[in-house]
């Protein structure tokens, strides 16, 4: 989730809030025996598409200010490849009980583009606080 979170960051996540689009969540990885932090991009009923590095949710262009612009990209390189939810998951919209998540480091993130939708019941909680490293304490 760089640049938002780094490998050694420690966070507190709570399950007392309803998960919404663009929340940062901690969940049980569907492809490994560990937990991941990713950003919710699609909630039940959403259609998702990326064209020319622009995210479209339900057909509307969506700003992503949390992304590290295109610094470090080679000429002609895209931050993320074009895709539709249907191409990545087999669904036209996110089904009930599932979420579509992506990491903020789109070039290398292992996320729903790789492992598909995650089940809502795999969510441990929404990130509320980064408490380590102490120089980067932040409330979300």
N, C-alpha and C. Protein backbone atom coordinates (compact mmCIF):
# COMPACT_ATOMS: atom_id res chain seq x y z
N UNK A 1 0.82 -1.20 0.00
CA UNK A 1 0.00 0.00 0.00
C UNK A 1 0.86 1.25 0.00
N UNK A 2 2.12 1.11 -0.33
CA UNK A 2 2.96 2.31 -0.42
C UNK A 2 2.34 3.23 -1.46
N UNK A 3 2.40 4.47 -1.31
CA UNK A 3 3.09 5.25 -0.29
C UNK A 3 2.26 5.46 0.98
N UNK A 4 1.00 5.01 1.00
CA UNK A 4 0.14 5.25 2.16
C UNK A 4 0.65 4.51 3.38
N UNK A 5 1.00 3.25 3.21
CA UNK A 5 1.55 2.43 4.30
C UNK A 5 2.81 1.75 3.82
N UNK A 6 3.73 1.53 4.74
CA UNK A 6 4.96 0.80 4.45
C UNK A 6 4.93 -0.53 5.19
N UNK A 7 5.82 -1.43 4.82
CA UNK A 7 5.84 -2.79 5.35
C UNK A 7 5.85 -2.86 6.88
N UNK A 8 6.62 -2.02 7.55
CA UNK A 8 6.77 -2.10 9.00
C UNK A 8 5.73 -1.30 9.78
N UNK A 9 4.83 -0.60 9.09
CA UNK A 9 3.82 0.21 9.79
C UNK A 9 2.93 -0.68 10.65
N UNK A 10 2.52 -0.14 11.76
CA UNK A 10 1.59 -0.80 12.67
C UNK A 10 0.32 0.03 12.71
N UNK A 11 -0.83 -0.63 12.58
CA UNK A 11 -2.10 0.08 12.54
C UNK A 11 -3.11 -0.53 13.51
N UNK A 12 -4.12 0.26 13.81
CA UNK A 12 -5.27 -0.23 14.56
C UNK A 12 -6.45 -0.17 13.61
N UNK A 13 -7.15 -1.29 13.49
CA UNK A 13 -8.33 -1.36 12.63
C UNK A 13 -9.53 -1.75 13.50
N UNK A 14 -10.68 -1.15 13.20
CA UNK A 14 -11.89 -1.47 13.96
C UNK A 14 -12.97 -2.00 13.02
N UNK A 15 -13.81 -2.81 13.56
CA UNK A 15 -14.91 -3.38 12.77
C UNK A 15 -16.24 -2.76 13.19
N UNK A 16 -16.17 -1.57 13.78
CA UNK A 16 -17.39 -0.92 14.25
C UNK A 16 -18.00 0.01 13.22
N UNK A 17 -17.31 0.22 12.10
CA UNK A 17 -17.83 1.10 11.07
C UNK A 17 -18.27 0.27 9.87
N UNK A 18 -19.17 0.81 9.07
CA UNK A 18 -19.58 0.15 7.84
C UNK A 18 -18.52 0.45 6.78
N UNK A 19 -18.09 -0.58 6.09
CA UNK A 19 -17.05 -0.40 5.08
C UNK A 19 -17.65 0.32 3.87
N UNK A 20 -16.95 1.38 3.44
CA UNK A 20 -17.39 2.17 2.31
C UNK A 20 -16.28 2.24 1.26
N UNK A 21 -16.66 2.66 0.08
CA UNK A 21 -15.71 2.81 -1.00
C UNK A 21 -14.59 3.75 -0.57
N UNK A 22 -13.36 3.38 -0.88
CA UNK A 22 -12.11 4.08 -0.62
C UNK A 22 -11.61 3.96 0.83
N UNK A 23 -12.33 3.22 1.69
CA UNK A 23 -11.80 2.93 3.02
C UNK A 23 -10.57 2.05 2.86
N UNK A 24 -9.64 2.17 3.81
CA UNK A 24 -8.47 1.30 3.87
C UNK A 24 -8.80 0.20 4.86
N UNK A 25 -8.72 -1.05 4.42
CA UNK A 25 -9.13 -2.15 5.27
C UNK A 25 -8.02 -3.16 5.46
N UNK A 26 -8.11 -3.89 6.55
CA UNK A 26 -7.25 -5.04 6.84
C UNK A 26 -8.14 -6.27 6.67
N UNK A 27 -7.64 -7.27 5.94
CA UNK A 27 -8.44 -8.47 5.72
C UNK A 27 -7.54 -9.69 5.60
N UNK A 28 -8.14 -10.85 5.81
CA UNK A 28 -7.43 -12.11 5.63
C UNK A 28 -7.19 -12.31 4.14
N UNK A 29 -5.94 -12.50 3.78
CA UNK A 29 -5.59 -12.67 2.37
C UNK A 29 -6.23 -13.93 1.82
N UNK A 30 -6.83 -13.84 0.63
CA UNK A 30 -7.45 -15.04 0.05
C UNK A 30 -6.44 -15.99 -0.58
N UNK A 31 -5.19 -15.53 -0.73
CA UNK A 31 -4.19 -16.32 -1.44
C UNK A 31 -2.94 -16.63 -0.61
N UNK A 32 -3.00 -16.29 0.69
CA UNK A 32 -1.83 -16.52 1.55
C UNK A 32 -2.30 -16.58 3.00
N UNK A 33 -1.44 -17.09 3.86
CA UNK A 33 -1.76 -17.17 5.28
C UNK A 33 -1.23 -15.92 5.97
N UNK A 34 -1.81 -14.76 5.62
CA UNK A 34 -1.41 -13.48 6.19
C UNK A 34 -2.55 -12.49 6.02
N UNK A 35 -2.33 -11.28 6.46
CA UNK A 35 -3.33 -10.23 6.29
C UNK A 35 -2.78 -9.17 5.34
N UNK A 36 -3.69 -8.51 4.64
CA UNK A 36 -3.33 -7.44 3.71
C UNK A 36 -4.03 -6.16 4.13
N UNK A 37 -3.43 -5.04 3.76
CA UNK A 37 -4.10 -3.74 3.84
C UNK A 37 -4.27 -3.28 2.40
N UNK A 38 -5.50 -2.99 2.03
CA UNK A 38 -5.81 -2.50 0.69
C UNK A 38 -6.93 -1.45 0.79
N UNK A 39 -7.16 -0.78 -0.32
CA UNK A 39 -8.20 0.24 -0.39
C UNK A 39 -9.42 -0.36 -1.09
N UNK A 40 -10.60 -0.16 -0.51
CA UNK A 40 -11.84 -0.63 -1.13
C UNK A 40 -12.14 0.26 -2.33
N UNK A 41 -12.23 -0.35 -3.49
CA UNK A 41 -12.54 0.38 -4.72
C UNK A 41 -13.99 0.14 -5.14
N UNK A 42 -14.46 -1.07 -4.93
CA UNK A 42 -15.83 -1.41 -5.30
C UNK A 42 -16.58 -2.10 -4.19
N UNK A 43 -17.80 -1.64 -3.93
CA UNK A 43 -18.70 -2.24 -2.95
C UNK A 43 -19.84 -2.91 -3.72
N UNK A 44 -20.66 -3.73 -3.06
CA UNK A 44 -21.74 -4.41 -3.78
C UNK A 44 -22.57 -3.45 -4.64
N UNK A 45 -22.77 -3.89 -5.89
CA UNK A 45 -23.54 -3.11 -6.85
C UNK A 45 -22.70 -2.23 -7.76
N UNK A 46 -21.42 -2.03 -7.44
CA UNK A 46 -20.55 -1.16 -8.24
C UNK A 46 -20.04 -1.87 -9.49
N UNK A 47 -19.92 -1.11 -10.58
CA UNK A 47 -19.17 -1.56 -11.74
C UNK A 47 -17.85 -0.81 -11.72
N UNK A 48 -16.78 -1.47 -12.12
CA UNK A 48 -15.43 -0.92 -12.06
C UNK A 48 -14.79 -1.06 -13.43
N UNK A 49 -14.09 -0.01 -13.84
CA UNK A 49 -13.35 -0.04 -15.09
C UNK A 49 -12.16 0.92 -14.97
N UNK A 50 -11.05 0.56 -15.58
CA UNK A 50 -9.89 1.45 -15.69
C UNK A 50 -9.55 1.58 -17.16
N UNK A 51 -9.47 2.84 -17.62
CA UNK A 51 -9.05 3.14 -18.99
C UNK A 51 -8.05 4.27 -18.94
N UNK A 52 -6.90 4.06 -19.55
CA UNK A 52 -5.85 5.09 -19.61
C UNK A 52 -5.52 5.67 -18.24
N UNK A 53 -5.36 4.78 -17.26
CA UNK A 53 -5.01 5.15 -15.88
C UNK A 53 -6.08 5.98 -15.17
N UNK A 54 -7.32 5.92 -15.64
CA UNK A 54 -8.42 6.61 -14.99
C UNK A 54 -9.39 5.56 -14.48
N UNK A 55 -9.75 5.66 -13.19
CA UNK A 55 -10.70 4.76 -12.57
C UNK A 55 -12.12 5.27 -12.80
N UNK A 56 -12.98 4.36 -13.27
CA UNK A 56 -14.39 4.68 -13.44
C UNK A 56 -15.18 3.76 -12.52
N UNK A 57 -15.98 4.36 -11.65
CA UNK A 57 -16.86 3.60 -10.76
C UNK A 57 -18.28 3.95 -11.18
N UNK A 58 -19.03 2.92 -11.56
CA UNK A 58 -20.41 3.10 -12.04
C UNK A 58 -20.46 4.09 -13.19
N UNK A 59 -19.44 4.04 -14.06
CA UNK A 59 -19.39 4.87 -15.25
C UNK A 59 -18.87 6.28 -15.05
N UNK A 60 -18.64 6.69 -13.79
CA UNK A 60 -18.17 8.04 -13.50
C UNK A 60 -16.67 8.06 -13.25
N UNK A 61 -15.98 9.01 -13.89
CA UNK A 61 -14.55 9.18 -13.64
C UNK A 61 -14.36 9.51 -12.16
N UNK A 62 -13.39 8.85 -11.54
CA UNK A 62 -13.20 8.96 -10.10
C UNK A 62 -11.78 9.42 -9.79
N UNK A 63 -11.67 10.49 -9.03
CA UNK A 63 -10.36 11.00 -8.60
C UNK A 63 -9.75 10.04 -7.59
N UNK A 64 -8.44 9.88 -7.64
CA UNK A 64 -7.72 9.05 -6.69
C UNK A 64 -6.52 9.84 -6.16
N UNK A 65 -6.76 10.83 -5.30
CA UNK A 65 -5.69 11.71 -4.82
C UNK A 65 -4.64 11.00 -3.97
N UNK A 66 -4.95 9.82 -3.47
CA UNK A 66 -4.03 9.06 -2.62
C UNK A 66 -2.95 8.36 -3.44
N UNK A 67 -3.10 8.30 -4.76
CA UNK A 67 -2.08 7.64 -5.58
C UNK A 67 -0.89 8.55 -5.75
N UNK A 68 0.28 7.95 -5.77
CA UNK A 68 1.52 8.66 -6.03
C UNK A 68 1.55 8.93 -7.53
N UNK A 69 1.13 10.06 -7.96
CA UNK A 69 1.04 10.43 -9.37
C UNK A 69 1.77 9.44 -10.26
N UNK A 70 2.38 9.89 -11.28
CA UNK A 70 3.05 8.99 -12.20
C UNK A 70 4.55 9.16 -12.10
N UNK A 71 5.02 9.59 -10.92
CA UNK A 71 6.46 9.73 -10.71
C UNK A 71 7.15 8.39 -10.91
N UNK A 72 8.24 8.39 -11.64
CA UNK A 72 9.03 7.19 -11.81
C UNK A 72 8.58 6.30 -12.95
N UNK A 73 7.47 6.66 -13.63
CA UNK A 73 7.04 5.84 -14.76
C UNK A 73 7.90 6.15 -15.98
N UNK A 74 8.14 5.13 -16.76
CA UNK A 74 8.86 5.30 -18.02
C UNK A 74 7.91 5.91 -19.04
N UNK A 75 8.43 6.58 -20.05
CA UNK A 75 7.55 7.15 -21.07
C UNK A 75 6.64 6.08 -21.66
N UNK A 76 5.35 6.37 -21.69
CA UNK A 76 4.37 5.43 -22.23
C UNK A 76 3.90 4.37 -21.25
N UNK A 77 4.55 4.26 -20.10
CA UNK A 77 4.17 3.26 -19.10
C UNK A 77 2.93 3.75 -18.35
N UNK A 78 2.03 2.83 -18.06
CA UNK A 78 0.82 3.16 -17.32
C UNK A 78 0.97 2.73 -15.87
N UNK A 79 0.27 3.43 -15.01
CA UNK A 79 0.25 3.09 -13.59
C UNK A 79 -0.45 1.76 -13.36
N UNK A 80 -1.49 1.52 -14.14
CA UNK A 80 -2.22 0.25 -14.07
C UNK A 80 -2.78 -0.05 -15.45
N UNK A 81 -2.89 -1.29 -15.77
CA UNK A 81 -3.42 -1.66 -17.07
C UNK A 81 -4.92 -1.46 -17.15
N UNK A 82 -5.41 -1.28 -18.36
CA UNK A 82 -6.84 -1.15 -18.58
C UNK A 82 -7.53 -2.48 -18.25
N UNK A 83 -8.70 -2.39 -17.63
CA UNK A 83 -9.48 -3.59 -17.34
C UNK A 83 -10.90 -3.21 -16.96
N UNK A 84 -11.77 -4.22 -16.98
CA UNK A 84 -13.12 -4.07 -16.45
C UNK A 84 -13.27 -5.09 -15.32
N UNK A 85 -14.25 -4.87 -14.49
CA UNK A 85 -14.54 -5.82 -13.41
C UNK A 85 -14.86 -7.18 -14.01
N UNK A 86 -15.60 -7.20 -15.10
CA UNK A 86 -15.97 -8.46 -15.74
C UNK A 86 -14.72 -9.24 -16.17
N UNK A 87 -13.74 -8.55 -16.74
CA UNK A 87 -12.51 -9.21 -17.17
C UNK A 87 -11.73 -9.80 -16.00
N UNK A 88 -11.73 -9.11 -14.88
CA UNK A 88 -10.93 -9.57 -13.72
C UNK A 88 -11.64 -10.58 -12.84
N UNK A 89 -12.99 -10.51 -12.80
CA UNK A 89 -13.70 -11.35 -11.82
C UNK A 89 -14.80 -12.22 -12.40
N UNK A 90 -15.24 -11.91 -13.64
CA UNK A 90 -16.37 -12.64 -14.20
C UNK A 90 -17.72 -12.04 -13.83
N UNK A 91 -17.72 -10.93 -13.09
CA UNK A 91 -18.95 -10.25 -12.68
C UNK A 91 -19.00 -8.86 -13.30
N UNK A 92 -20.20 -8.43 -13.71
CA UNK A 92 -20.35 -7.07 -14.23
C UNK A 92 -20.41 -6.04 -13.11
N UNK A 93 -20.96 -6.45 -11.96
CA UNK A 93 -20.98 -5.59 -10.77
C UNK A 93 -20.51 -6.41 -9.59
N UNK A 94 -20.03 -5.73 -8.57
CA UNK A 94 -19.59 -6.42 -7.36
C UNK A 94 -20.82 -7.05 -6.70
N UNK A 95 -20.79 -8.38 -6.50
CA UNK A 95 -21.96 -9.04 -5.91
C UNK A 95 -22.08 -8.78 -4.40
N UNK A 96 -23.28 -8.98 -3.89
CA UNK A 96 -23.50 -8.84 -2.45
C UNK A 96 -22.54 -9.74 -1.69
N UNK A 97 -22.01 -9.21 -0.59
CA UNK A 97 -21.12 -9.98 0.26
C UNK A 97 -19.66 -9.92 -0.15
N UNK A 98 -19.33 -9.13 -1.18
CA UNK A 98 -17.97 -9.06 -1.69
C UNK A 98 -17.49 -7.61 -1.86
N UNK A 99 -16.17 -7.45 -1.96
CA UNK A 99 -15.54 -6.16 -2.20
C UNK A 99 -14.46 -6.32 -3.26
N UNK A 100 -14.21 -5.25 -4.01
CA UNK A 100 -13.10 -5.19 -4.94
C UNK A 100 -12.09 -4.24 -4.34
N UNK A 101 -10.86 -4.70 -4.13
CA UNK A 101 -9.83 -3.90 -3.46
C UNK A 101 -8.60 -3.74 -4.34
N UNK A 102 -7.92 -2.60 -4.17
CA UNK A 102 -6.64 -2.40 -4.85
C UNK A 102 -5.69 -1.70 -3.89
N UNK A 103 -4.41 -1.99 -4.06
CA UNK A 103 -3.38 -1.30 -3.30
C UNK A 103 -3.06 0.04 -3.94
N UNK A 104 -2.49 0.94 -3.16
CA UNK A 104 -2.14 2.27 -3.68
C UNK A 104 -0.90 2.24 -4.55
N UNK A 105 -0.07 1.23 -4.43
CA UNK A 105 1.10 1.09 -5.29
C UNK A 105 0.69 0.21 -6.47
N UNK A 106 -0.04 0.78 -7.39
CA UNK A 106 -0.71 0.03 -8.45
C UNK A 106 0.22 -0.76 -9.35
N UNK A 107 1.47 -0.33 -9.49
CA UNK A 107 2.40 -1.05 -10.37
C UNK A 107 2.72 -2.44 -9.85
N UNK A 108 2.76 -2.62 -8.55
CA UNK A 108 3.19 -3.90 -7.99
C UNK A 108 2.21 -4.52 -7.01
N UNK A 109 1.08 -3.89 -6.79
CA UNK A 109 0.14 -4.38 -5.78
C UNK A 109 -0.49 -5.71 -6.17
N UNK A 110 -0.53 -6.61 -5.20
CA UNK A 110 -1.23 -7.87 -5.34
C UNK A 110 -2.61 -7.62 -4.74
N UNK A 111 -3.64 -7.56 -5.57
CA UNK A 111 -4.95 -7.15 -5.10
C UNK A 111 -6.04 -7.84 -5.91
N UNK A 112 -7.24 -7.29 -5.93
CA UNK A 112 -8.36 -7.95 -6.62
C UNK A 112 -8.13 -8.12 -8.11
N UNK A 113 -7.19 -7.37 -8.67
CA UNK A 113 -6.85 -7.58 -10.07
C UNK A 113 -6.15 -8.93 -10.24
N UNK A 114 -5.53 -9.42 -9.15
CA UNK A 114 -4.81 -10.69 -9.17
C UNK A 114 -5.64 -11.82 -8.57
N UNK A 115 -6.15 -11.61 -7.35
CA UNK A 115 -6.83 -12.70 -6.65
C UNK A 115 -8.35 -12.61 -6.66
N UNK A 116 -8.90 -11.61 -7.32
CA UNK A 116 -10.35 -11.50 -7.43
C UNK A 116 -10.99 -10.78 -6.25
N UNK A 117 -12.29 -10.91 -6.17
CA UNK A 117 -13.06 -10.26 -5.11
C UNK A 117 -12.72 -10.88 -3.76
N UNK A 118 -12.89 -10.08 -2.70
CA UNK A 118 -12.74 -10.64 -1.36
C UNK A 118 -14.10 -10.68 -0.69
N UNK A 119 -14.27 -11.64 0.18
CA UNK A 119 -15.53 -11.74 0.91
C UNK A 119 -15.57 -10.70 2.02
N UNK A 120 -16.71 -10.06 2.20
CA UNK A 120 -16.84 -9.06 3.25
C UNK A 120 -16.54 -9.65 4.63
N UNK A 121 -16.86 -10.93 4.82
CA UNK A 121 -16.61 -11.52 6.14
C UNK A 121 -15.13 -11.82 6.39
N UNK A 122 -14.26 -11.61 5.39
CA UNK A 122 -12.82 -11.74 5.62
C UNK A 122 -12.20 -10.45 6.15
N UNK A 123 -13.00 -9.36 6.18
CA UNK A 123 -12.50 -8.07 6.64
C UNK A 123 -12.34 -8.09 8.16
N UNK A 124 -11.13 -7.77 8.60
CA UNK A 124 -10.84 -7.67 10.02
C UNK A 124 -11.30 -6.32 10.54
N UNK A 125 -11.08 -5.27 9.75
CA UNK A 125 -11.56 -3.96 10.14
C UNK A 125 -11.04 -2.86 9.24
N UNK A 126 -11.56 -1.66 9.47
CA UNK A 126 -11.13 -0.48 8.75
C UNK A 126 -9.99 0.17 9.52
N UNK A 127 -8.95 0.57 8.80
CA UNK A 127 -7.81 1.21 9.44
C UNK A 127 -8.25 2.56 10.03
N UNK A 128 -7.99 2.73 11.32
CA UNK A 128 -8.36 3.97 12.01
C UNK A 128 -7.15 4.79 12.42
N UNK A 129 -6.03 4.09 12.69
CA UNK A 129 -4.86 4.77 13.24
C UNK A 129 -3.58 4.04 12.85
N UNK A 130 -2.57 4.79 12.41
CA UNK A 130 -1.22 4.25 12.27
C UNK A 130 -0.47 4.75 13.49
N UNK A 131 0.06 3.82 14.30
CA UNK A 131 0.75 4.23 15.52
C UNK A 131 2.25 3.96 15.49
N UNK A 132 2.73 3.32 14.44
CA UNK A 132 4.16 3.08 14.29
C UNK A 132 4.51 3.08 12.83
N UNK A 133 5.60 3.71 12.45
CA UNK A 133 6.60 4.37 13.29
C UNK A 133 6.05 5.66 13.92
N UNK A 134 6.61 5.99 15.06
CA UNK A 134 6.12 7.13 15.82
C UNK A 134 6.19 8.43 15.04
N UNK A 135 7.12 8.53 14.10
CA UNK A 135 7.24 9.74 13.30
C UNK A 135 6.14 9.86 12.24
N UNK A 136 5.34 8.79 12.10
CA UNK A 136 4.29 8.78 11.07
C UNK A 136 2.91 8.50 11.65
N UNK A 137 2.70 8.81 12.93
CA UNK A 137 1.40 8.58 13.55
C UNK A 137 0.33 9.37 12.79
N UNK A 138 -0.79 8.68 12.49
CA UNK A 138 -1.85 9.35 11.74
C UNK A 138 -3.18 8.72 12.02
N UNK A 139 -4.21 9.56 12.20
CA UNK A 139 -5.58 9.10 12.36
C UNK A 139 -6.25 9.14 10.99
N UNK A 140 -6.98 8.09 10.65
CA UNK A 140 -7.67 8.02 9.35
C UNK A 140 -9.15 8.20 9.51
